[in-house]
Amino acid sequence: MEINFLAILVAAISALVVGFVWYNPKVFGTVWMKAADMTEEKMKGANMGKIFGMALVFALLLAMSMLTLTIHQFGAAGMVGGDV
């Protein structure tokens, strides 16, 4: 199986972009802060570089594991007894 590292990187970065938009205060950020009992003071005390770095690492791992779980065009034909 050939790994397209550019596609994996784009998938991981797109997951972070969706998170940035989702937790934006103008979208759902304030609702999430109230539901999670999060305050501005708690957020200022967090190490954002570490949080975003780990989020990127886990998004990369998720994208790589989804690669192995995805049924590709040839894999789907092979599953039903067709030629690969």
N, C-alpha and C. Protein backbone atom coordinates (compact mmCIF):
# COMPACT_ATOMS: atom_id res chain seq x y z
N MET A 1 0.85 -1.17 0.00
CA MET A 1 0.00 0.00 0.00
C MET A 1 0.90 1.24 0.00
N GLU A 2 0.65 2.12 -0.91
CA GLU A 2 1.43 3.34 -1.02
C GLU A 2 0.80 4.43 -0.16
N ILE A 3 1.62 5.10 0.63
CA ILE A 3 1.13 6.12 1.54
C ILE A 3 1.36 7.50 0.92
N ASN A 4 0.31 8.28 0.82
CA ASN A 4 0.39 9.64 0.33
C ASN A 4 0.49 10.56 1.55
N PHE A 5 1.71 10.96 1.88
CA PHE A 5 1.93 11.76 3.08
C PHE A 5 1.33 13.15 2.96
N LEU A 6 1.25 13.69 1.75
CA LEU A 6 0.62 14.99 1.57
C LEU A 6 -0.87 14.93 1.92
N ALA A 7 -1.53 13.86 1.50
CA ALA A 7 -2.95 13.70 1.81
C ALA A 7 -3.17 13.53 3.31
N ILE A 8 -2.27 12.82 3.97
CA ILE A 8 -2.38 12.63 5.41
C ILE A 8 -2.18 13.96 6.13
N LEU A 9 -1.21 14.76 5.68
CA LEU A 9 -0.97 16.07 6.28
C LEU A 9 -2.16 17.00 6.06
N VAL A 10 -2.72 16.99 4.87
CA VAL A 10 -3.90 17.83 4.58
C VAL A 10 -5.08 17.39 5.44
N ALA A 11 -5.27 16.10 5.61
CA ALA A 11 -6.37 15.60 6.45
C ALA A 11 -6.19 16.03 7.90
N ALA A 12 -4.96 15.94 8.40
CA ALA A 12 -4.70 16.32 9.79
C ALA A 12 -4.89 17.82 9.99
N ILE A 13 -4.40 18.61 9.06
CA ILE A 13 -4.55 20.06 9.20
C ILE A 13 -6.00 20.48 9.03
N SER A 14 -6.74 19.79 8.16
CA SER A 14 -8.16 20.13 8.01
C SER A 14 -8.94 19.82 9.28
N ALA A 15 -8.54 18.80 10.01
CA ALA A 15 -9.19 18.51 11.30
C ALA A 15 -8.95 19.64 12.28
N LEU A 16 -7.75 20.20 12.28
CA LEU A 16 -7.47 21.34 13.16
C LEU A 16 -8.24 22.58 12.73
N VAL A 17 -8.36 22.80 11.44
CA VAL A 17 -9.11 23.96 10.94
C VAL A 17 -10.58 23.85 11.34
N VAL A 18 -11.15 22.66 11.23
CA VAL A 18 -12.54 22.46 11.65
C VAL A 18 -12.68 22.75 13.15
N GLY A 19 -11.71 22.32 13.94
CA GLY A 19 -11.73 22.60 15.37
C GLY A 19 -11.62 24.08 15.67
N PHE A 20 -10.76 24.79 14.93
CA PHE A 20 -10.63 26.24 15.13
C PHE A 20 -11.95 26.95 14.83
N VAL A 21 -12.61 26.53 13.76
CA VAL A 21 -13.89 27.15 13.41
C VAL A 21 -14.96 26.76 14.43
N TRP A 22 -15.01 25.50 14.81
CA TRP A 22 -16.05 25.00 15.71
C TRP A 22 -15.99 25.67 17.08
N TYR A 23 -14.79 25.83 17.62
CA TYR A 23 -14.64 26.40 18.96
C TYR A 23 -14.42 27.91 18.93
N ASN A 24 -14.62 28.55 17.80
CA ASN A 24 -14.55 30.00 17.71
C ASN A 24 -15.69 30.58 18.53
N PRO A 25 -15.43 31.65 19.30
CA PRO A 25 -16.51 32.24 20.11
C PRO A 25 -17.71 32.70 19.29
N LYS A 26 -17.52 32.98 18.01
CA LYS A 26 -18.65 33.42 17.19
C LYS A 26 -19.47 32.24 16.67
N VAL A 27 -18.97 31.02 16.81
CA VAL A 27 -19.71 29.85 16.34
C VAL A 27 -20.28 29.12 17.56
N PHE A 28 -19.50 28.21 18.18
CA PHE A 28 -19.97 27.47 19.34
C PHE A 28 -19.05 27.63 20.55
N GLY A 29 -18.06 28.49 20.45
CA GLY A 29 -17.07 28.62 21.52
C GLY A 29 -17.65 29.04 22.86
N THR A 30 -18.53 30.02 22.86
CA THR A 30 -19.08 30.48 24.13
C THR A 30 -20.03 29.44 24.72
N VAL A 31 -20.78 28.76 23.88
CA VAL A 31 -21.66 27.69 24.37
C VAL A 31 -20.83 26.56 24.96
N TRP A 32 -19.73 26.20 24.29
CA TRP A 32 -18.85 25.14 24.80
C TRP A 32 -18.22 25.56 26.12
N MET A 33 -17.79 26.83 26.22
CA MET A 33 -17.16 27.30 27.46
C MET A 33 -18.13 27.22 28.64
N LYS A 34 -19.38 27.57 28.41
CA LYS A 34 -20.38 27.48 29.48
C LYS A 34 -20.65 26.03 29.85
N ALA A 35 -20.79 25.16 28.86
CA ALA A 35 -21.10 23.75 29.12
C ALA A 35 -19.93 23.04 29.79
N ALA A 36 -18.70 23.42 29.45
CA ALA A 36 -17.52 22.76 30.02
C ALA A 36 -17.02 23.46 31.27
N ASP A 37 -17.73 24.48 31.71
CA ASP A 37 -17.32 25.27 32.88
C ASP A 37 -15.90 25.81 32.71
N MET A 38 -15.64 26.33 31.52
CA MET A 38 -14.33 26.87 31.18
C MET A 38 -14.39 28.39 31.25
N THR A 39 -13.34 28.99 31.80
CA THR A 39 -13.27 30.45 31.89
C THR A 39 -12.04 30.94 31.13
N GLU A 40 -12.01 32.24 30.91
CA GLU A 40 -10.85 32.84 30.22
C GLU A 40 -9.58 32.65 31.05
N GLU A 41 -9.70 32.69 32.37
CA GLU A 41 -8.53 32.52 33.23
C GLU A 41 -7.96 31.11 33.11
N LYS A 42 -8.84 30.12 33.04
CA LYS A 42 -8.37 28.74 32.86
C LYS A 42 -7.69 28.56 31.51
N MET A 43 -8.22 29.21 30.50
CA MET A 43 -7.64 29.08 29.17
C MET A 43 -6.28 29.78 29.08
N LYS A 44 -6.11 30.88 29.78
CA LYS A 44 -4.82 31.58 29.76
C LYS A 44 -3.74 30.77 30.46
N GLY A 45 -4.12 29.94 31.41
CA GLY A 45 -3.16 29.11 32.14
C GLY A 45 -2.74 27.86 31.37
N ALA A 46 -3.40 27.57 30.27
CA ALA A 46 -3.10 26.36 29.50
C ALA A 46 -1.91 26.59 28.57
N ASN A 47 -1.20 25.52 28.28
CA ASN A 47 -0.07 25.57 27.34
C ASN A 47 -0.62 25.28 25.95
N MET A 48 -0.99 26.33 25.23
CA MET A 48 -1.66 26.16 23.94
C MET A 48 -0.76 25.51 22.90
N GLY A 49 0.53 25.79 22.94
CA GLY A 49 1.44 25.16 21.99
C GLY A 49 1.46 23.65 22.14
N LYS A 50 1.48 23.20 23.38
CA LYS A 50 1.46 21.76 23.65
C LYS A 50 0.11 21.15 23.25
N ILE A 51 -0.96 21.86 23.54
CA ILE A 51 -2.29 21.35 23.21
C ILE A 51 -2.46 21.21 21.70
N PHE A 52 -2.10 22.25 20.95
CA PHE A 52 -2.24 22.19 19.49
C PHE A 52 -1.26 21.22 18.87
N GLY A 53 -0.07 21.11 19.45
CA GLY A 53 0.91 20.14 18.95
C GLY A 53 0.41 18.71 19.12
N MET A 54 -0.13 18.41 20.29
CA MET A 54 -0.66 17.06 20.53
C MET A 54 -1.90 16.81 19.67
N ALA A 55 -2.72 17.83 19.47
CA ALA A 55 -3.89 17.67 18.60
C ALA A 55 -3.45 17.35 17.17
N LEU A 56 -2.37 17.99 16.71
CA LEU A 56 -1.86 17.70 15.37
C LEU A 56 -1.29 16.29 15.29
N VAL A 57 -0.57 15.87 16.32
CA VAL A 57 -0.01 14.51 16.34
C VAL A 57 -1.14 13.48 16.30
N PHE A 58 -2.17 13.67 17.11
CA PHE A 58 -3.27 12.70 17.13
C PHE A 58 -4.08 12.75 15.84
N ALA A 59 -4.21 13.93 15.22
CA ALA A 59 -4.90 14.02 13.93
C ALA A 59 -4.10 13.29 12.86
N LEU A 60 -2.77 13.39 12.91
CA LEU A 60 -1.93 12.64 11.97
C LEU A 60 -2.09 11.14 12.17
N LEU A 61 -2.08 10.70 13.44
CA LEU A 61 -2.26 9.28 13.72
C LEU A 61 -3.64 8.79 13.26
N LEU A 62 -4.66 9.60 13.47
CA LEU A 62 -6.00 9.22 13.03
C LEU A 62 -6.06 9.13 11.51
N ALA A 63 -5.45 10.08 10.82
CA ALA A 63 -5.46 10.05 9.36
C ALA A 63 -4.71 8.83 8.84
N MET A 64 -3.60 8.47 9.48
CA MET A 64 -2.84 7.30 9.03
C MET A 64 -3.60 6.01 9.32
N SER A 65 -4.29 5.94 10.45
CA SER A 65 -5.04 4.72 10.74
C SER A 65 -6.30 4.62 9.88
N MET A 66 -6.88 5.75 9.52
CA MET A 66 -8.03 5.71 8.61
C MET A 66 -7.62 5.23 7.23
N LEU A 67 -6.36 5.47 6.86
CA LEU A 67 -5.86 4.99 5.58
C LEU A 67 -5.93 3.47 5.51
N THR A 68 -5.57 2.81 6.60
CA THR A 68 -5.59 1.35 6.60
C THR A 68 -7.01 0.80 6.70
N LEU A 69 -7.94 1.58 7.24
CA LEU A 69 -9.31 1.11 7.40
C LEU A 69 -10.21 1.42 6.21
N THR A 70 -9.77 2.32 5.37
CA THR A 70 -10.59 2.75 4.24
C THR A 70 -10.62 1.67 3.17
N ILE A 71 -11.80 1.42 2.65
CA ILE A 71 -11.93 0.47 1.55
C ILE A 71 -11.70 1.24 0.26
N HIS A 72 -10.60 0.94 -0.39
CA HIS A 72 -10.29 1.60 -1.65
C HIS A 72 -11.04 0.91 -2.78
N GLN A 73 -10.97 1.49 -3.93
CA GLN A 73 -11.70 0.97 -5.08
C GLN A 73 -11.31 -0.47 -5.38
N PHE A 74 -10.03 -0.77 -5.37
CA PHE A 74 -9.60 -2.14 -5.65
C PHE A 74 -9.92 -3.07 -4.50
N GLY A 75 -9.86 -2.58 -3.28
CA GLY A 75 -10.18 -3.41 -2.13
C GLY A 75 -11.64 -3.81 -2.10
N ALA A 76 -12.51 -2.90 -2.51
CA ALA A 76 -13.94 -3.21 -2.53
C ALA A 76 -14.24 -4.29 -3.56
N ALA A 77 -13.57 -4.24 -4.72
CA ALA A 77 -13.79 -5.26 -5.74
C ALA A 77 -13.26 -6.60 -5.26
N GLY A 78 -12.15 -6.60 -4.53
CA GLY A 78 -11.58 -7.84 -4.03
C GLY A 78 -12.44 -8.47 -2.94
N MET A 79 -13.17 -7.64 -2.20
CA MET A 79 -14.01 -8.17 -1.12
C MET A 79 -15.19 -8.96 -1.66
N VAL A 80 -15.68 -8.60 -2.83
CA VAL A 80 -16.84 -9.30 -3.38
C VAL A 80 -16.43 -10.37 -4.38
N GLY A 81 -15.14 -10.67 -4.42
CA GLY A 81 -14.68 -11.75 -5.28
C GLY A 81 -14.22 -11.32 -6.65
N GLY A 82 -14.13 -10.02 -6.89
CA GLY A 82 -13.65 -9.54 -8.18
C GLY A 82 -12.14 -9.56 -8.25
N ASP A 83 -11.63 -9.32 -9.43
CA ASP A 83 -10.19 -9.26 -9.60
C ASP A 83 -9.65 -7.95 -9.05
N VAL A 84 -8.43 -8.04 -8.54
CA VAL A 84 -7.79 -6.84 -7.98
C VAL A 84 -6.98 -6.16 -9.02
